[in-house]
């Protein structure tokens, strides 16, 4: 994930950060890099259960974003359907 973040920074894709805290010392943070038809999103926090999607993790959103990222990482592209 660090490699992907450095790659996004190297092509000047800005990160939008948002988060929230609660009185019970629970917090969550979202990092969103928007580009192409989607982007790269990271969801983190110190909670065990989250109501509704998404949960903890990093997600690539959009077909063009996915293919761009695979190309930058040197990973073979999946075949295209007609």
N, C-alpha and C. Protein backbone atom coordinates (compact mmCIF):
# COMPACT_ATOMS: atom_id res chain seq x y z
N UNK A 1 0.82 -1.17 0.00
CA UNK A 1 0.00 0.00 0.00
C UNK A 1 0.88 1.25 0.00
N UNK A 2 1.99 1.22 0.71
CA UNK A 2 2.90 2.37 0.72
C UNK A 2 3.41 2.67 -0.69
N UNK A 3 3.70 1.61 -1.45
CA UNK A 3 4.18 1.78 -2.82
C UNK A 3 3.11 2.47 -3.68
N UNK A 4 1.86 2.08 -3.52
CA UNK A 4 0.76 2.68 -4.28
C UNK A 4 0.60 4.15 -3.90
N UNK A 5 0.66 4.46 -2.63
CA UNK A 5 0.53 5.85 -2.18
C UNK A 5 1.66 6.71 -2.73
N UNK A 6 2.89 6.20 -2.71
CA UNK A 6 4.02 6.95 -3.28
C UNK A 6 3.85 7.15 -4.77
N UNK A 7 3.32 6.14 -5.47
CA UNK A 7 3.06 6.25 -6.89
C UNK A 7 2.03 7.34 -7.18
N UNK A 8 0.96 7.38 -6.40
CA UNK A 8 -0.08 8.41 -6.59
C UNK A 8 0.47 9.80 -6.31
N UNK A 9 1.30 9.93 -5.29
CA UNK A 9 1.92 11.22 -4.98
C UNK A 9 2.87 11.66 -6.09
N UNK A 10 3.58 10.71 -6.69
CA UNK A 10 4.56 11.05 -7.73
C UNK A 10 3.91 11.60 -8.99
N UNK A 11 2.64 11.29 -9.23
CA UNK A 11 1.92 11.84 -10.39
C UNK A 11 0.97 12.95 -9.95
N UNK A 12 1.21 13.50 -8.77
CA UNK A 12 0.50 14.68 -8.24
C UNK A 12 -1.00 14.47 -8.04
N UNK A 13 -1.39 13.28 -7.61
CA UNK A 13 -2.79 13.04 -7.27
C UNK A 13 -2.95 13.36 -5.79
N UNK A 14 -3.83 14.31 -5.51
CA UNK A 14 -4.01 14.79 -4.15
C UNK A 14 -4.89 13.85 -3.33
N UNK A 15 -4.63 13.83 -2.05
CA UNK A 15 -5.39 13.00 -1.12
C UNK A 15 -6.37 13.89 -0.35
N UNK A 16 -7.62 13.44 -0.30
CA UNK A 16 -8.63 14.11 0.51
C UNK A 16 -8.83 13.28 1.78
N UNK A 17 -8.60 13.89 2.93
CA UNK A 17 -8.66 13.17 4.20
C UNK A 17 -9.86 13.67 4.99
N UNK A 18 -10.63 12.73 5.55
CA UNK A 18 -11.72 13.10 6.44
C UNK A 18 -11.78 12.07 7.55
N UNK A 19 -12.40 12.43 8.65
CA UNK A 19 -12.49 11.51 9.77
C UNK A 19 -13.48 12.00 10.80
N UNK A 20 -13.70 11.16 11.79
CA UNK A 20 -14.64 11.49 12.86
C UNK A 20 -14.19 10.82 14.15
N UNK A 21 -14.54 11.44 15.26
CA UNK A 21 -14.28 10.89 16.60
C UNK A 21 -15.60 10.80 17.34
N UNK A 22 -15.61 9.97 18.37
CA UNK A 22 -16.80 9.88 19.21
C UNK A 22 -16.40 10.01 20.67
N UNK A 23 -17.36 10.27 21.55
CA UNK A 23 -17.05 10.37 22.98
C UNK A 23 -16.51 9.07 23.58
N UNK A 24 -16.73 7.94 22.89
CA UNK A 24 -16.26 6.66 23.43
C UNK A 24 -14.86 6.33 22.94
N UNK A 25 -14.12 7.35 22.44
CA UNK A 25 -12.75 7.20 21.98
C UNK A 25 -12.63 6.31 20.75
N UNK A 26 -13.66 6.30 19.92
CA UNK A 26 -13.62 5.58 18.65
C UNK A 26 -13.43 6.61 17.56
N UNK A 27 -12.52 6.35 16.64
CA UNK A 27 -12.34 7.27 15.52
C UNK A 27 -12.18 6.49 14.22
N UNK A 28 -12.52 7.16 13.13
CA UNK A 28 -12.31 6.57 11.82
C UNK A 28 -11.74 7.64 10.89
N UNK A 29 -11.02 7.19 9.89
CA UNK A 29 -10.37 8.10 8.95
C UNK A 29 -10.52 7.55 7.54
N UNK A 30 -10.80 8.43 6.59
CA UNK A 30 -10.89 8.09 5.17
C UNK A 30 -9.82 8.86 4.41
N UNK A 31 -9.11 8.18 3.53
CA UNK A 31 -8.15 8.80 2.63
C UNK A 31 -8.63 8.46 1.22
N UNK A 32 -8.92 9.48 0.42
CA UNK A 32 -9.45 9.26 -0.92
C UNK A 32 -8.57 9.97 -1.94
N UNK A 33 -8.07 9.19 -2.90
CA UNK A 33 -7.31 9.71 -4.04
C UNK A 33 -8.21 9.56 -5.25
N UNK A 34 -8.74 10.65 -5.79
CA UNK A 34 -9.67 10.58 -6.92
C UNK A 34 -8.93 10.85 -8.23
N UNK A 35 -9.14 9.96 -9.21
CA UNK A 35 -8.57 10.11 -10.53
C UNK A 35 -9.30 9.18 -11.48
N UNK A 36 -9.06 9.41 -12.79
CA UNK A 36 -9.69 8.60 -13.84
C UNK A 36 -11.19 8.47 -13.60
N UNK A 37 -11.71 7.26 -13.56
CA UNK A 37 -13.14 7.05 -13.36
C UNK A 37 -13.48 6.64 -11.93
N UNK A 38 -12.54 6.72 -11.05
CA UNK A 38 -12.77 6.30 -9.66
C UNK A 38 -11.63 6.79 -8.81
N UNK A 39 -10.87 5.87 -8.27
CA UNK A 39 -9.75 6.27 -7.45
C UNK A 39 -9.29 5.17 -6.53
N UNK A 40 -8.59 5.59 -5.49
CA UNK A 40 -8.05 4.69 -4.48
C UNK A 40 -8.53 5.20 -3.14
N UNK A 41 -9.16 4.34 -2.36
CA UNK A 41 -9.75 4.74 -1.09
C UNK A 41 -9.23 3.85 0.04
N UNK A 42 -8.89 4.49 1.16
CA UNK A 42 -8.39 3.77 2.33
C UNK A 42 -9.28 4.12 3.51
N UNK A 43 -9.77 3.10 4.20
CA UNK A 43 -10.62 3.30 5.37
C UNK A 43 -9.94 2.66 6.57
N UNK A 44 -9.75 3.46 7.63
CA UNK A 44 -9.10 2.93 8.82
C UNK A 44 -9.76 3.51 10.06
N UNK A 45 -9.46 2.91 11.18
CA UNK A 45 -10.00 3.38 12.45
C UNK A 45 -9.74 2.36 13.54
N UNK A 46 -10.12 2.71 14.75
CA UNK A 46 -9.91 1.80 15.88
C UNK A 46 -11.22 1.17 16.33
N UNK A 47 -12.06 0.80 15.39
CA UNK A 47 -13.34 0.18 15.70
C UNK A 47 -13.31 -1.28 15.26
N UNK A 48 -14.09 -2.11 15.94
CA UNK A 48 -14.15 -3.53 15.61
C UNK A 48 -15.24 -3.82 14.59
N UNK A 49 -16.31 -3.06 14.64
CA UNK A 49 -17.43 -3.32 13.76
C UNK A 49 -17.91 -2.00 13.19
N UNK A 50 -18.24 -1.99 11.92
CA UNK A 50 -18.70 -0.77 11.26
C UNK A 50 -20.03 -1.09 10.59
N UNK A 51 -21.03 -0.26 10.84
CA UNK A 51 -22.33 -0.48 10.21
C UNK A 51 -22.27 -0.05 8.75
N UNK A 52 -22.52 -0.97 7.86
CA UNK A 52 -22.54 -0.66 6.44
C UNK A 52 -21.16 -0.62 5.82
N UNK A 53 -21.13 -0.71 4.50
CA UNK A 53 -19.85 -0.67 3.79
C UNK A 53 -19.30 0.74 3.77
N UNK A 54 -18.05 0.93 3.57
CA UNK A 54 -17.00 -0.08 3.56
C UNK A 54 -16.44 -0.31 4.96
N UNK A 55 -15.77 -1.40 5.13
CA UNK A 55 -15.09 -1.66 6.39
C UNK A 55 -13.65 -1.19 6.30
N UNK A 56 -12.79 -1.76 7.13
CA UNK A 56 -11.36 -1.45 7.06
C UNK A 56 -10.81 -1.92 5.72
N UNK A 57 -9.87 -1.19 5.19
CA UNK A 57 -9.19 -1.68 4.00
C UNK A 57 -8.88 -0.61 2.99
N UNK A 58 -8.29 -1.05 1.89
CA UNK A 58 -7.94 -0.19 0.77
C UNK A 58 -8.64 -0.74 -0.46
N UNK A 59 -9.24 0.15 -1.25
CA UNK A 59 -10.05 -0.26 -2.38
C UNK A 59 -9.70 0.55 -3.61
N UNK A 60 -9.64 -0.12 -4.77
CA UNK A 60 -9.50 0.56 -6.05
C UNK A 60 -10.91 0.61 -6.63
N UNK A 61 -11.35 1.83 -7.01
CA UNK A 61 -12.71 2.02 -7.51
C UNK A 61 -12.63 2.46 -8.97
N UNK A 62 -13.29 1.73 -9.87
CA UNK A 62 -13.35 2.09 -11.28
C UNK A 62 -12.43 1.23 -12.13
N UNK A 63 -12.90 0.89 -13.34
CA UNK A 63 -12.14 0.04 -14.24
C UNK A 63 -10.88 0.73 -14.76
N UNK A 64 -10.99 2.00 -15.17
CA UNK A 64 -9.81 2.71 -15.68
C UNK A 64 -8.77 2.89 -14.59
N UNK A 65 -9.23 3.21 -13.39
CA UNK A 65 -8.30 3.36 -12.27
C UNK A 65 -7.60 2.04 -11.97
N UNK A 66 -8.34 0.95 -12.01
CA UNK A 66 -7.79 -0.39 -11.76
C UNK A 66 -6.73 -0.74 -12.81
N UNK A 67 -7.07 -0.52 -14.08
CA UNK A 67 -6.13 -0.84 -15.16
C UNK A 67 -4.89 0.06 -15.11
N UNK A 68 -5.08 1.35 -14.80
CA UNK A 68 -3.95 2.26 -14.68
C UNK A 68 -3.00 1.79 -13.58
N UNK A 69 -3.58 1.42 -12.44
CA UNK A 69 -2.77 0.98 -11.30
C UNK A 69 -2.02 -0.31 -11.63
N UNK A 70 -2.67 -1.27 -12.27
CA UNK A 70 -1.99 -2.51 -12.67
C UNK A 70 -0.83 -2.20 -13.61
N UNK A 71 -1.06 -1.29 -14.56
CA UNK A 71 -0.01 -0.92 -15.51
C UNK A 71 1.18 -0.29 -14.79
N UNK A 72 0.92 0.61 -13.85
CA UNK A 72 2.00 1.27 -13.11
C UNK A 72 2.78 0.29 -12.24
N UNK A 73 2.11 -0.73 -11.75
CA UNK A 73 2.77 -1.72 -10.90
C UNK A 73 3.42 -2.84 -11.70
N UNK A 74 3.24 -2.83 -13.03
CA UNK A 74 3.84 -3.85 -13.88
C UNK A 74 3.15 -5.20 -13.79
N UNK A 75 1.88 -5.19 -13.49
CA UNK A 75 1.10 -6.43 -13.37
C UNK A 75 0.33 -6.64 -14.66
N UNK A 76 0.28 -7.88 -15.14
CA UNK A 76 -0.42 -8.22 -16.38
C UNK A 76 -1.90 -7.83 -16.27
N UNK A 77 -2.40 -7.19 -17.32
CA UNK A 77 -3.79 -6.76 -17.37
C UNK A 77 -4.72 -7.95 -17.58
N UNK A 78 -5.89 -7.94 -16.95
CA UNK A 78 -6.87 -8.99 -17.25
C UNK A 78 -7.42 -8.77 -18.66
N UNK A 79 -7.93 -9.82 -19.27
CA UNK A 79 -8.43 -9.67 -20.64
C UNK A 79 -9.71 -8.84 -20.63
N UNK A 80 -9.97 -8.19 -21.74
CA UNK A 80 -11.16 -7.36 -21.87
C UNK A 80 -12.28 -8.20 -22.47
N UNK A 81 -13.49 -8.00 -21.98
CA UNK A 81 -14.65 -8.68 -22.52
C UNK A 81 -15.28 -7.83 -23.61
N UNK A 82 -15.85 -8.47 -24.61
CA UNK A 82 -16.51 -7.73 -25.70
C UNK A 82 -17.92 -7.40 -25.32
